[in-house]
Each structure stands twice: as structure tokens, then as C-alpha cells.
């Protein structure tokens, strides 16, 4: 039930986590 704004914010946060973990 996330709205568009919440989806965009979640993508931003998850991308940040992915950029941290992927090189490791």
C-alpha cells in the first residue's frame, strides 16, 4: 500500500544500502 512518494523514497534508501553491500 505504498504511495508513489513512499516507493521513490524506499528505492533511494535501498539503492544506498545496495551500493554499500554489493562491493563487499
PDBML (XML) file of the C-alpha atoms, coordinates in Angstrom:
<?xml version="1.0" encoding="UTF-8" ?>
<PDBx:datablock datablockName="MODEL"
   xmlns:PDBx="http://pdbml.pdb.org/schema/pdbx-v50.xsd"
   xmlns:xsi="http://www.w3.org/2001/XMLSchema-instance"
   xsi:schemaLocation="http://pdbml.pdb.org/schema/pdbx-v50.xsd pdbx-v50.xsd">
   <PDBx:atom_siteCategory>
      <PDBx:atom_site id="1">
         <PDBx:B_iso_or_equiv>0.00</PDBx:B_iso_or_equiv>
         <PDBx:Cartn_x>0.000</PDBx:Cartn_x>
         <PDBx:Cartn_y>0.000</PDBx:Cartn_y>
         <PDBx:Cartn_z>0.000</PDBx:Cartn_z>
         <PDBx:auth_asym_id>A</PDBx:auth_asym_id>
         <PDBx:auth_atom_id>CA</PDBx:auth_atom_id>
         <PDBx:auth_comp_id>UNK</PDBx:auth_comp_id>
         <PDBx:auth_seq_id>1</PDBx:auth_seq_id>
         <PDBx:group_PDB>ATOM</PDBx:group_PDB>
         <PDBx:label_alt_id xsi:nil="true" />
         <PDBx:label_asym_id>A</PDBx:label_asym_id>
         <PDBx:label_atom_id>CA</PDBx:label_atom_id>
         <PDBx:label_comp_id>UNK</PDBx:label_comp_id>
         <PDBx:label_entity_id>1</PDBx:label_entity_id>
         <PDBx:label_seq_id>1</PDBx:label_seq_id>
         <PDBx:occupancy>1.00</PDBx:occupancy>
         <PDBx:pdbx_PDB_model_num>1</PDBx:pdbx_PDB_model_num>
         <PDBx:type_symbol>C</PDBx:type_symbol>
      </PDBx:atom_site>
      <PDBx:atom_site id="2">
         <PDBx:B_iso_or_equiv>0.00</PDBx:B_iso_or_equiv>
         <PDBx:Cartn_x>2.928</PDBx:Cartn_x>
         <PDBx:Cartn_y>2.371</PDBx:Cartn_y>
         <PDBx:Cartn_z>-0.544</PDBx:Cartn_z>
         <PDBx:auth_asym_id>A</PDBx:auth_asym_id>
         <PDBx:auth_atom_id>CA</PDBx:auth_atom_id>
         <PDBx:auth_comp_id>UNK</PDBx:auth_comp_id>
         <PDBx:auth_seq_id>2</PDBx:auth_seq_id>
         <PDBx:group_PDB>ATOM</PDBx:group_PDB>
         <PDBx:label_alt_id xsi:nil="true" />
         <PDBx:label_asym_id>A</PDBx:label_asym_id>
         <PDBx:label_atom_id>CA</PDBx:label_atom_id>
         <PDBx:label_comp_id>UNK</PDBx:label_comp_id>
         <PDBx:label_entity_id>1</PDBx:label_entity_id>
         <PDBx:label_seq_id>2</PDBx:label_seq_id>
         <PDBx:occupancy>1.00</PDBx:occupancy>
         <PDBx:pdbx_PDB_model_num>1</PDBx:pdbx_PDB_model_num>
         <PDBx:type_symbol>C</PDBx:type_symbol>
      </PDBx:atom_site>
      <PDBx:atom_site id="3">
         <PDBx:B_iso_or_equiv>0.00</PDBx:B_iso_or_equiv>
         <PDBx:Cartn_x>2.097</PDBx:Cartn_x>
         <PDBx:Cartn_y>5.512</PDBx:Cartn_y>
         <PDBx:Cartn_z>-2.473</PDBx:Cartn_z>
         <PDBx:auth_asym_id>A</PDBx:auth_asym_id>
         <PDBx:auth_atom_id>CA</PDBx:auth_atom_id>
         <PDBx:auth_comp_id>UNK</PDBx:auth_comp_id>
         <PDBx:auth_seq_id>3</PDBx:auth_seq_id>
         <PDBx:group_PDB>ATOM</PDBx:group_PDB>
         <PDBx:label_alt_id xsi:nil="true" />
         <PDBx:label_asym_id>A</PDBx:label_asym_id>
         <PDBx:label_atom_id>CA</PDBx:label_atom_id>
         <PDBx:label_comp_id>UNK</PDBx:label_comp_id>
         <PDBx:label_entity_id>1</PDBx:label_entity_id>
         <PDBx:label_seq_id>3</PDBx:label_seq_id>
         <PDBx:occupancy>1.00</PDBx:occupancy>
         <PDBx:pdbx_PDB_model_num>1</PDBx:pdbx_PDB_model_num>
         <PDBx:type_symbol>C</PDBx:type_symbol>
      </PDBx:atom_site>
      <PDBx:atom_site id="4">
         <PDBx:B_iso_or_equiv>0.00</PDBx:B_iso_or_equiv>
         <PDBx:Cartn_x>4.338</PDBx:Cartn_x>
         <PDBx:Cartn_y>6.839</PDBx:Cartn_y>
         <PDBx:Cartn_z>-5.268</PDBx:Cartn_z>
         <PDBx:auth_asym_id>A</PDBx:auth_asym_id>
         <PDBx:auth_atom_id>CA</PDBx:auth_atom_id>
         <PDBx:auth_comp_id>UNK</PDBx:auth_comp_id>
         <PDBx:auth_seq_id>4</PDBx:auth_seq_id>
         <PDBx:group_PDB>ATOM</PDBx:group_PDB>
         <PDBx:label_alt_id xsi:nil="true" />
         <PDBx:label_asym_id>A</PDBx:label_asym_id>
         <PDBx:label_atom_id>CA</PDBx:label_atom_id>
         <PDBx:label_comp_id>UNK</PDBx:label_comp_id>
         <PDBx:label_entity_id>1</PDBx:label_entity_id>
         <PDBx:label_seq_id>4</PDBx:label_seq_id>
         <PDBx:occupancy>1.00</PDBx:occupancy>
         <PDBx:pdbx_PDB_model_num>1</PDBx:pdbx_PDB_model_num>
         <PDBx:type_symbol>C</PDBx:type_symbol>
      </PDBx:atom_site>
      <PDBx:atom_site id="5">
         <PDBx:B_iso_or_equiv>0.00</PDBx:B_iso_or_equiv>
         <PDBx:Cartn_x>6.340</PDBx:Cartn_x>
         <PDBx:Cartn_y>9.148</PDBx:Cartn_y>
         <PDBx:Cartn_z>-2.983</PDBx:Cartn_z>
         <PDBx:auth_asym_id>A</PDBx:auth_asym_id>
         <PDBx:auth_atom_id>CA</PDBx:auth_atom_id>
         <PDBx:auth_comp_id>UNK</PDBx:auth_comp_id>
         <PDBx:auth_seq_id>5</PDBx:auth_seq_id>
         <PDBx:group_PDB>ATOM</PDBx:group_PDB>
         <PDBx:label_alt_id xsi:nil="true" />
         <PDBx:label_asym_id>A</PDBx:label_asym_id>
         <PDBx:label_atom_id>CA</PDBx:label_atom_id>
         <PDBx:label_comp_id>UNK</PDBx:label_comp_id>
         <PDBx:label_entity_id>1</PDBx:label_entity_id>
         <PDBx:label_seq_id>5</PDBx:label_seq_id>
         <PDBx:occupancy>1.00</PDBx:occupancy>
         <PDBx:pdbx_PDB_model_num>1</PDBx:pdbx_PDB_model_num>
         <PDBx:type_symbol>C</PDBx:type_symbol>
      </PDBx:atom_site>
      <PDBx:atom_site id="6">
         <PDBx:B_iso_or_equiv>0.00</PDBx:B_iso_or_equiv>
         <PDBx:Cartn_x>6.958</PDBx:Cartn_x>
         <PDBx:Cartn_y>6.338</PDBx:Cartn_y>
         <PDBx:Cartn_z>-0.490</PDBx:Cartn_z>
         <PDBx:auth_asym_id>A</PDBx:auth_asym_id>
         <PDBx:auth_atom_id>CA</PDBx:auth_atom_id>
         <PDBx:auth_comp_id>UNK</PDBx:auth_comp_id>
         <PDBx:auth_seq_id>6</PDBx:auth_seq_id>
         <PDBx:group_PDB>ATOM</PDBx:group_PDB>
         <PDBx:label_alt_id xsi:nil="true" />
         <PDBx:label_asym_id>A</PDBx:label_asym_id>
         <PDBx:label_atom_id>CA</PDBx:label_atom_id>
         <PDBx:label_comp_id>UNK</PDBx:label_comp_id>
         <PDBx:label_entity_id>1</PDBx:label_entity_id>
         <PDBx:label_seq_id>6</PDBx:label_seq_id>
         <PDBx:occupancy>1.00</PDBx:occupancy>
         <PDBx:pdbx_PDB_model_num>1</PDBx:pdbx_PDB_model_num>
         <PDBx:type_symbol>C</PDBx:type_symbol>
      </PDBx:atom_site>
      <PDBx:atom_site id="7">
         <PDBx:B_iso_or_equiv>0.00</PDBx:B_iso_or_equiv>
         <PDBx:Cartn_x>8.059</PDBx:Cartn_x>
         <PDBx:Cartn_y>3.990</PDBx:Cartn_y>
         <PDBx:Cartn_z>-3.285</PDBx:Cartn_z>
         <PDBx:auth_asym_id>A</PDBx:auth_asym_id>
         <PDBx:auth_atom_id>CA</PDBx:auth_atom_id>
         <PDBx:auth_comp_id>UNK</PDBx:auth_comp_id>
         <PDBx:auth_seq_id>7</PDBx:auth_seq_id>
         <PDBx:group_PDB>ATOM</PDBx:group_PDB>
         <PDBx:label_alt_id xsi:nil="true" />
         <PDBx:label_asym_id>A</PDBx:label_asym_id>
         <PDBx:label_atom_id>CA</PDBx:label_atom_id>
         <PDBx:label_comp_id>UNK</PDBx:label_comp_id>
         <PDBx:label_entity_id>1</PDBx:label_entity_id>
         <PDBx:label_seq_id>7</PDBx:label_seq_id>
         <PDBx:occupancy>1.00</PDBx:occupancy>
         <PDBx:pdbx_PDB_model_num>1</PDBx:pdbx_PDB_model_num>
         <PDBx:type_symbol>C</PDBx:type_symbol>
      </PDBx:atom_site>
      <PDBx:atom_site id="8">
         <PDBx:B_iso_or_equiv>0.00</PDBx:B_iso_or_equiv>
         <PDBx:Cartn_x>10.564</PDBx:Cartn_x>
         <PDBx:Cartn_y>6.545</PDBx:Cartn_y>
         <PDBx:Cartn_z>-4.561</PDBx:Cartn_z>
         <PDBx:auth_asym_id>A</PDBx:auth_asym_id>
         <PDBx:auth_atom_id>CA</PDBx:auth_atom_id>
         <PDBx:auth_comp_id>UNK</PDBx:auth_comp_id>
         <PDBx:auth_seq_id>8</PDBx:auth_seq_id>
         <PDBx:group_PDB>ATOM</PDBx:group_PDB>
         <PDBx:label_alt_id xsi:nil="true" />
         <PDBx:label_asym_id>A</PDBx:label_asym_id>
         <PDBx:label_atom_id>CA</PDBx:label_atom_id>
         <PDBx:label_comp_id>UNK</PDBx:label_comp_id>
         <PDBx:label_entity_id>1</PDBx:label_entity_id>
         <PDBx:label_seq_id>8</PDBx:label_seq_id>
         <PDBx:occupancy>1.00</PDBx:occupancy>
         <PDBx:pdbx_PDB_model_num>1</PDBx:pdbx_PDB_model_num>
         <PDBx:type_symbol>C</PDBx:type_symbol>
      </PDBx:atom_site>
      <PDBx:atom_site id="9">
         <PDBx:B_iso_or_equiv>0.00</PDBx:B_iso_or_equiv>
         <PDBx:Cartn_x>11.945</PDBx:Cartn_x>
         <PDBx:Cartn_y>7.098</PDBx:Cartn_y>
         <PDBx:Cartn_z>-1.050</PDBx:Cartn_z>
         <PDBx:auth_asym_id>A</PDBx:auth_asym_id>
         <PDBx:auth_atom_id>CA</PDBx:auth_atom_id>
         <PDBx:auth_comp_id>UNK</PDBx:auth_comp_id>
         <PDBx:auth_seq_id>9</PDBx:auth_seq_id>
         <PDBx:group_PDB>ATOM</PDBx:group_PDB>
         <PDBx:label_alt_id xsi:nil="true" />
         <PDBx:label_asym_id>A</PDBx:label_asym_id>
         <PDBx:label_atom_id>CA</PDBx:label_atom_id>
         <PDBx:label_comp_id>UNK</PDBx:label_comp_id>
         <PDBx:label_entity_id>1</PDBx:label_entity_id>
         <PDBx:label_seq_id>9</PDBx:label_seq_id>
         <PDBx:occupancy>1.00</PDBx:occupancy>
         <PDBx:pdbx_PDB_model_num>1</PDBx:pdbx_PDB_model_num>
         <PDBx:type_symbol>C</PDBx:type_symbol>
      </PDBx:atom_site>
      <PDBx:atom_site id="10">
         <PDBx:B_iso_or_equiv>0.00</PDBx:B_iso_or_equiv>
         <PDBx:Cartn_x>12.220</PDBx:Cartn_x>
         <PDBx:Cartn_y>3.352</PDBx:Cartn_y>
         <PDBx:Cartn_z>-0.446</PDBx:Cartn_z>
         <PDBx:auth_asym_id>A</PDBx:auth_asym_id>
         <PDBx:auth_atom_id>CA</PDBx:auth_atom_id>
         <PDBx:auth_comp_id>UNK</PDBx:auth_comp_id>
         <PDBx:auth_seq_id>10</PDBx:auth_seq_id>
         <PDBx:group_PDB>ATOM</PDBx:group_PDB>
         <PDBx:label_alt_id xsi:nil="true" />
         <PDBx:label_asym_id>A</PDBx:label_asym_id>
         <PDBx:label_atom_id>CA</PDBx:label_atom_id>
         <PDBx:label_comp_id>UNK</PDBx:label_comp_id>
         <PDBx:label_entity_id>1</PDBx:label_entity_id>
         <PDBx:label_seq_id>10</PDBx:label_seq_id>
         <PDBx:occupancy>1.00</PDBx:occupancy>
         <PDBx:pdbx_PDB_model_num>1</PDBx:pdbx_PDB_model_num>
         <PDBx:type_symbol>C</PDBx:type_symbol>
      </PDBx:atom_site>
      <PDBx:atom_site id="11">
         <PDBx:B_iso_or_equiv>0.00</PDBx:B_iso_or_equiv>
         <PDBx:Cartn_x>14.077</PDBx:Cartn_x>
         <PDBx:Cartn_y>2.886</PDBx:Cartn_y>
         <PDBx:Cartn_z>-3.740</PDBx:Cartn_z>
         <PDBx:auth_asym_id>A</PDBx:auth_asym_id>
         <PDBx:auth_atom_id>CA</PDBx:auth_atom_id>
         <PDBx:auth_comp_id>UNK</PDBx:auth_comp_id>
         <PDBx:auth_seq_id>11</PDBx:auth_seq_id>
         <PDBx:group_PDB>ATOM</PDBx:group_PDB>
         <PDBx:label_alt_id xsi:nil="true" />
         <PDBx:label_asym_id>A</PDBx:label_asym_id>
         <PDBx:label_atom_id>CA</PDBx:label_atom_id>
         <PDBx:label_comp_id>UNK</PDBx:label_comp_id>
         <PDBx:label_entity_id>1</PDBx:label_entity_id>
         <PDBx:label_seq_id>11</PDBx:label_seq_id>
         <PDBx:occupancy>1.00</PDBx:occupancy>
         <PDBx:pdbx_PDB_model_num>1</PDBx:pdbx_PDB_model_num>
         <PDBx:type_symbol>C</PDBx:type_symbol>
      </PDBx:atom_site>
      <PDBx:atom_site id="12">
         <PDBx:B_iso_or_equiv>0.00</PDBx:B_iso_or_equiv>
         <PDBx:Cartn_x>16.516</PDBx:Cartn_x>
         <PDBx:Cartn_y>5.657</PDBx:Cartn_y>
         <PDBx:Cartn_z>-2.759</PDBx:Cartn_z>
         <PDBx:auth_asym_id>A</PDBx:auth_asym_id>
         <PDBx:auth_atom_id>CA</PDBx:auth_atom_id>
         <PDBx:auth_comp_id>UNK</PDBx:auth_comp_id>
         <PDBx:auth_seq_id>12</PDBx:auth_seq_id>
         <PDBx:group_PDB>ATOM</PDBx:group_PDB>
         <PDBx:label_alt_id xsi:nil="true" />
         <PDBx:label_asym_id>A</PDBx:label_asym_id>
         <PDBx:label_atom_id>CA</PDBx:label_atom_id>
         <PDBx:label_comp_id>UNK</PDBx:label_comp_id>
         <PDBx:label_entity_id>1</PDBx:label_entity_id>
         <PDBx:label_seq_id>12</PDBx:label_seq_id>
         <PDBx:occupancy>1.00</PDBx:occupancy>
         <PDBx:pdbx_PDB_model_num>1</PDBx:pdbx_PDB_model_num>
         <PDBx:type_symbol>C</PDBx:type_symbol>
      </PDBx:atom_site>
      <PDBx:atom_site id="13">
         <PDBx:B_iso_or_equiv>0.00</PDBx:B_iso_or_equiv>
         <PDBx:Cartn_x>17.211</PDBx:Cartn_x>
         <PDBx:Cartn_y>4.043</PDBx:Cartn_y>
         <PDBx:Cartn_z>0.625</PDBx:Cartn_z>
         <PDBx:auth_asym_id>A</PDBx:auth_asym_id>
         <PDBx:auth_atom_id>CA</PDBx:auth_atom_id>
         <PDBx:auth_comp_id>UNK</PDBx:auth_comp_id>
         <PDBx:auth_seq_id>13</PDBx:auth_seq_id>
         <PDBx:group_PDB>ATOM</PDBx:group_PDB>
         <PDBx:label_alt_id xsi:nil="true" />
         <PDBx:label_asym_id>A</PDBx:label_asym_id>
         <PDBx:label_atom_id>CA</PDBx:label_atom_id>
         <PDBx:label_comp_id>UNK</PDBx:label_comp_id>
         <PDBx:label_entity_id>1</PDBx:label_entity_id>
         <PDBx:label_seq_id>13</PDBx:label_seq_id>
         <PDBx:occupancy>1.00</PDBx:occupancy>
         <PDBx:pdbx_PDB_model_num>1</PDBx:pdbx_PDB_model_num>
         <PDBx:type_symbol>C</PDBx:type_symbol>
      </PDBx:atom_site>
      <PDBx:atom_site id="14">
         <PDBx:B_iso_or_equiv>0.00</PDBx:B_iso_or_equiv>
         <PDBx:Cartn_x>17.508</PDBx:Cartn_x>
         <PDBx:Cartn_y>0.509</PDBx:Cartn_y>
         <PDBx:Cartn_z>-0.766</PDBx:Cartn_z>
         <PDBx:auth_asym_id>A</PDBx:auth_asym_id>
         <PDBx:auth_atom_id>CA</PDBx:auth_atom_id>
         <PDBx:auth_comp_id>UNK</PDBx:auth_comp_id>
         <PDBx:auth_seq_id>14</PDBx:auth_seq_id>
         <PDBx:group_PDB>ATOM</PDBx:group_PDB>
         <PDBx:label_alt_id xsi:nil="true" />
         <PDBx:label_asym_id>A</PDBx:label_asym_id>
         <PDBx:label_atom_id>CA</PDBx:label_atom_id>
         <PDBx:label_comp_id>UNK</PDBx:label_comp_id>
         <PDBx:label_entity_id>1</PDBx:label_entity_id>
         <PDBx:label_seq_id>14</PDBx:label_seq_id>
         <PDBx:occupancy>1.00</PDBx:occupancy>
         <PDBx:pdbx_PDB_model_num>1</PDBx:pdbx_PDB_model_num>
         <PDBx:type_symbol>C</PDBx:type_symbol>
      </PDBx:atom_site>
      <PDBx:atom_site id="15">
         <PDBx:B_iso_or_equiv>0.00</PDBx:B_iso_or_equiv>
         <PDBx:Cartn_x>19.824</PDBx:Cartn_x>
         <PDBx:Cartn_y>1.736</PDBx:Cartn_y>
         <PDBx:Cartn_z>-3.526</PDBx:Cartn_z>
         <PDBx:auth_asym_id>A</PDBx:auth_asym_id>
         <PDBx:auth_atom_id>CA</PDBx:auth_atom_id>
         <PDBx:auth_comp_id>UNK</PDBx:auth_comp_id>
         <PDBx:auth_seq_id>15</PDBx:auth_seq_id>
         <PDBx:group_PDB>ATOM</PDBx:group_PDB>
         <PDBx:label_alt_id xsi:nil="true" />
         <PDBx:label_asym_id>A</PDBx:label_asym_id>
         <PDBx:label_atom_id>CA</PDBx:label_atom_id>
         <PDBx:label_comp_id>UNK</PDBx:label_comp_id>
         <PDBx:label_entity_id>1</PDBx:label_entity_id>
         <PDBx:label_seq_id>15</PDBx:label_seq_id>
         <PDBx:occupancy>1.00</PDBx:occupancy>
         <PDBx:pdbx_PDB_model_num>1</PDBx:pdbx_PDB_model_num>
         <PDBx:type_symbol>C</PDBx:type_symbol>
      </PDBx:atom_site>
      <PDBx:atom_site id="16">
         <PDBx:B_iso_or_equiv>0.00</PDBx:B_iso_or_equiv>
         <PDBx:Cartn_x>22.040</PDBx:Cartn_x>
         <PDBx:Cartn_y>3.299</PDBx:Cartn_y>
         <PDBx:Cartn_z>-0.874</PDBx:Cartn_z>
         <PDBx:auth_asym_id>A</PDBx:auth_asym_id>
         <PDBx:auth_atom_id>CA</PDBx:auth_atom_id>
         <PDBx:auth_comp_id>UNK</PDBx:auth_comp_id>
         <PDBx:auth_seq_id>16</PDBx:auth_seq_id>
         <PDBx:group_PDB>ATOM</PDBx:group_PDB>
         <PDBx:label_alt_id xsi:nil="true" />
         <PDBx:label_asym_id>A</PDBx:label_asym_id>
         <PDBx:label_atom_id>CA</PDBx:label_atom_id>
         <PDBx:label_comp_id>UNK</PDBx:label_comp_id>
         <PDBx:label_entity_id>1</PDBx:label_entity_id>
         <PDBx:label_seq_id>16</PDBx:label_seq_id>
         <PDBx:occupancy>1.00</PDBx:occupancy>
         <PDBx:pdbx_PDB_model_num>1</PDBx:pdbx_PDB_model_num>
         <PDBx:type_symbol>C</PDBx:type_symbol>
      </PDBx:atom_site>
      <PDBx:atom_site id="17">
         <PDBx:B_iso_or_equiv>0.00</PDBx:B_iso_or_equiv>
         <PDBx:Cartn_x>22.191</PDBx:Cartn_x>
         <PDBx:Cartn_y>0.008</PDBx:Cartn_y>
         <PDBx:Cartn_z>1.017</PDBx:Cartn_z>
         <PDBx:auth_asym_id>A</PDBx:auth_asym_id>
         <PDBx:auth_atom_id>CA</PDBx:auth_atom_id>
         <PDBx:auth_comp_id>UNK</PDBx:auth_comp_id>
         <PDBx:auth_seq_id>17</PDBx:auth_seq_id>
         <PDBx:group_PDB>ATOM</PDBx:group_PDB>
         <PDBx:label_alt_id xsi:nil="true" />
         <PDBx:label_asym_id>A</PDBx:label_asym_id>
         <PDBx:label_atom_id>CA</PDBx:label_atom_id>
         <PDBx:label_comp_id>UNK</PDBx:label_comp_id>
         <PDBx:label_entity_id>1</PDBx:label_entity_id>
         <PDBx:label_seq_id>17</PDBx:label_seq_id>
         <PDBx:occupancy>1.00</PDBx:occupancy>
         <PDBx:pdbx_PDB_model_num>1</PDBx:pdbx_PDB_model_num>
         <PDBx:type_symbol>C</PDBx:type_symbol>
      </PDBx:atom_site>
      <PDBx:atom_site id="18">
         <PDBx:B_iso_or_equiv>0.00</PDBx:B_iso_or_equiv>
         <PDBx:Cartn_x>22.867</PDBx:Cartn_x>
         <PDBx:Cartn_y>-1.904</PDBx:Cartn_y>
         <PDBx:Cartn_z>-2.191</PDBx:Cartn_z>
         <PDBx:auth_asym_id>A</PDBx:auth_asym_id>
         <PDBx:auth_atom_id>CA</PDBx:auth_atom_id>
         <PDBx:auth_comp_id>UNK</PDBx:auth_comp_id>
         <PDBx:auth_seq_id>18</PDBx:auth_seq_id>
         <PDBx:group_PDB>ATOM</PDBx:group_PDB>
         <PDBx:label_alt_id xsi:nil="true" />
         <PDBx:label_asym_id>A</PDBx:label_asym_id>
         <PDBx:label_atom_id>CA</PDBx:label_atom_id>
         <PDBx:label_comp_id>UNK</PDBx:label_comp_id>
         <PDBx:label_entity_id>1</PDBx:label_entity_id>
         <PDBx:label_seq_id>18</PDBx:label_seq_id>
         <PDBx:occupancy>1.00</PDBx:occupancy>
         <PDBx:pdbx_PDB_model_num>1</PDBx:pdbx_PDB_model_num>
         <PDBx:type_symbol>C</PDBx:type_symbol>
      </PDBx:atom_site>
      <PDBx:atom_site id="19">
         <PDBx:B_iso_or_equiv>0.00</PDBx:B_iso_or_equiv>
         <PDBx:Cartn_x>25.752</PDBx:Cartn_x>
         <PDBx:Cartn_y>0.430</PDBx:Cartn_y>
         <PDBx:Cartn_z>-3.079</PDBx:Cartn_z>
         <PDBx:auth_asym_id>A</PDBx:auth_asym_id>
         <PDBx:auth_atom_id>CA</PDBx:auth_atom_id>
         <PDBx:auth_comp_id>UNK</PDBx:auth_comp_id>
         <PDBx:auth_seq_id>19</PDBx:auth_seq_id>
         <PDBx:group_PDB>ATOM</PDBx:group_PDB>
         <PDBx:label_alt_id xsi:nil="true" />
         <PDBx:label_asym_id>A</PDBx:label_asym_id>
         <PDBx:label_atom_id>CA</PDBx:label_atom_id>
         <PDBx:label_comp_id>UNK</PDBx:label_comp_id>
         <PDBx:label_entity_id>1</PDBx:label_entity_id>
         <PDBx:label_seq_id>19</PDBx:label_seq_id>
         <PDBx:occupancy>1.00</PDBx:occupancy>
         <PDBx:pdbx_PDB_model_num>1</PDBx:pdbx_PDB_model_num>
         <PDBx:type_symbol>C</PDBx:type_symbol>
      </PDBx:atom_site>
      <PDBx:atom_site id="20">
         <PDBx:B_iso_or_equiv>0.00</PDBx:B_iso_or_equiv>
         <PDBx:Cartn_x>27.211</PDBx:Cartn_x>
         <PDBx:Cartn_y>-0.299</PDBx:Cartn_y>
         <PDBx:Cartn_z>0.341</PDBx:Cartn_z>
         <PDBx:auth_asym_id>A</PDBx:auth_asym_id>
         <PDBx:auth_atom_id>CA</PDBx:auth_atom_id>
         <PDBx:auth_comp_id>UNK</PDBx:auth_comp_id>
         <PDBx:auth_seq_id>20</PDBx:auth_seq_id>
         <PDBx:group_PDB>ATOM</PDBx:group_PDB>
         <PDBx:label_alt_id xsi:nil="true" />
         <PDBx:label_asym_id>A</PDBx:label_asym_id>
         <PDBx:label_atom_id>CA</PDBx:label_atom_id>
         <PDBx:label_comp_id>UNK</PDBx:label_comp_id>
         <PDBx:label_entity_id>1</PDBx:label_entity_id>
         <PDBx:label_seq_id>20</PDBx:label_seq_id>
         <PDBx:occupancy>1.00</PDBx:occupancy>
         <PDBx:pdbx_PDB_model_num>1</PDBx:pdbx_PDB_model_num>
         <PDBx:type_symbol>C</PDBx:type_symbol>
      </PDBx:atom_site>
      <PDBx:atom_site id="21">
         <PDBx:B_iso_or_equiv>0.00</PDBx:B_iso_or_equiv>
         <PDBx:Cartn_x>26.867</PDBx:Cartn_x>
         <PDBx:Cartn_y>-4.097</PDBx:Cartn_y>
         <PDBx:Cartn_z>0.304</PDBx:Cartn_z>
         <PDBx:auth_asym_id>A</PDBx:auth_asym_id>
         <PDBx:auth_atom_id>CA</PDBx:auth_atom_id>
         <PDBx:auth_comp_id>UNK</PDBx:auth_comp_id>
         <PDBx:auth_seq_id>21</PDBx:auth_seq_id>
         <PDBx:group_PDB>ATOM</PDBx:group_PDB>
         <PDBx:label_alt_id xsi:nil="true" />
         <PDBx:label_asym_id>A</PDBx:label_asym_id>
         <PDBx:label_atom_id>CA</PDBx:label_atom_id>
         <PDBx:label_comp_id>UNK</PDBx:label_comp_id>
         <PDBx:label_entity_id>1</PDBx:label_entity_id>
         <PDBx:label_seq_id>21</PDBx:label_seq_id>
         <PDBx:occupancy>1.00</PDBx:occupancy>
         <PDBx:pdbx_PDB_model_num>1</PDBx:pdbx_PDB_model_num>
         <PDBx:type_symbol>C</PDBx:type_symbol>
      </PDBx:atom_site>
      <PDBx:atom_site id="22">
         <PDBx:B_iso_or_equiv>0.00</PDBx:B_iso_or_equiv>
         <PDBx:Cartn_x>27.492</PDBx:Cartn_x>
         <PDBx:Cartn_y>-5.008</PDBx:Cartn_y>
         <PDBx:Cartn_z>-3.336</PDBx:Cartn_z>
         <PDBx:auth_asym_id>A</PDBx:auth_asym_id>
         <PDBx:auth_atom_id>CA</PDBx:auth_atom_id>
         <PDBx:auth_comp_id>UNK</PDBx:auth_comp_id>
         <PDBx:auth_seq_id>22</PDBx:auth_seq_id>
         <PDBx:group_PDB>ATOM</PDBx:group_PDB>
         <PDBx:label_alt_id xsi:nil="true" />
         <PDBx:label_asym_id>A</PDBx:label_asym_id>
         <PDBx:label_atom_id>CA</PDBx:label_atom_id>
         <PDBx:label_comp_id>UNK</PDBx:label_comp_id>
         <PDBx:label_entity_id>1</PDBx:label_entity_id>
         <PDBx:label_seq_id>22</PDBx:label_seq_id>
         <PDBx:occupancy>1.00</PDBx:occupancy>
         <PDBx:pdbx_PDB_model_num>1</PDBx:pdbx_PDB_model_num>
         <PDBx:type_symbol>C</PDBx:type_symbol>
      </PDBx:atom_site>
      <PDBx:atom_site id="23">
         <PDBx:B_iso_or_equiv>0.00</PDBx:B_iso_or_equiv>
         <PDBx:Cartn_x>31.233</PDBx:Cartn_x>
         <PDBx:Cartn_y>-4.174</PDBx:Cartn_y>
         <PDBx:Cartn_z>-3.436</PDBx:Cartn_z>
         <PDBx:auth_asym_id>A</PDBx:auth_asym_id>
         <PDBx:auth_atom_id>CA</PDBx:auth_atom_id>
         <PDBx:auth_comp_id>UNK</PDBx:auth_comp_id>
         <PDBx:auth_seq_id>23</PDBx:auth_seq_id>
         <PDBx:group_PDB>ATOM</PDBx:group_PDB>
         <PDBx:label_alt_id xsi:nil="true" />
         <PDBx:label_asym_id>A</PDBx:label_asym_id>
         <PDBx:label_atom_id>CA</PDBx:label_atom_id>
         <PDBx:label_comp_id>UNK</PDBx:label_comp_id>
         <PDBx:label_entity_id>1</PDBx:label_entity_id>
         <PDBx:label_seq_id>23</PDBx:label_seq_id>
         <PDBx:occupancy>1.00</PDBx:occupancy>
         <PDBx:pdbx_PDB_model_num>1</PDBx:pdbx_PDB_model_num>
         <PDBx:type_symbol>C</PDBx:type_symbol>
      </PDBx:atom_site>
      <PDBx:atom_site id="24">
         <PDBx:B_iso_or_equiv>0.00</PDBx:B_iso_or_equiv>
         <PDBx:Cartn_x>31.690</PDBx:Cartn_x>
         <PDBx:Cartn_y>-6.172</PDBx:Cartn_y>
         <PDBx:Cartn_z>-0.228</PDBx:Cartn_z>
         <PDBx:auth_asym_id>A</PDBx:auth_asym_id>
         <PDBx:auth_atom_id>CA</PDBx:auth_atom_id>
         <PDBx:auth_comp_id>UNK</PDBx:auth_comp_id>
         <PDBx:auth_seq_id>24</PDBx:auth_seq_id>
         <PDBx:group_PDB>ATOM</PDBx:group_PDB>
         <PDBx:label_alt_id xsi:nil="true" />
         <PDBx:label_asym_id>A</PDBx:label_asym_id>
         <PDBx:label_atom_id>CA</PDBx:label_atom_id>
         <PDBx:label_comp_id>UNK</PDBx:label_comp_id>
         <PDBx:label_entity_id>1</PDBx:label_entity_id>
         <PDBx:label_seq_id>24</PDBx:label_seq_id>
         <PDBx:occupancy>1.00</PDBx:occupancy>
         <PDBx:pdbx_PDB_model_num>1</PDBx:pdbx_PDB_model_num>
         <PDBx:type_symbol>C</PDBx:type_symbol>
      </PDBx:atom_site>
   </PDBx:atom_siteCategory>
</PDBx:datablock>
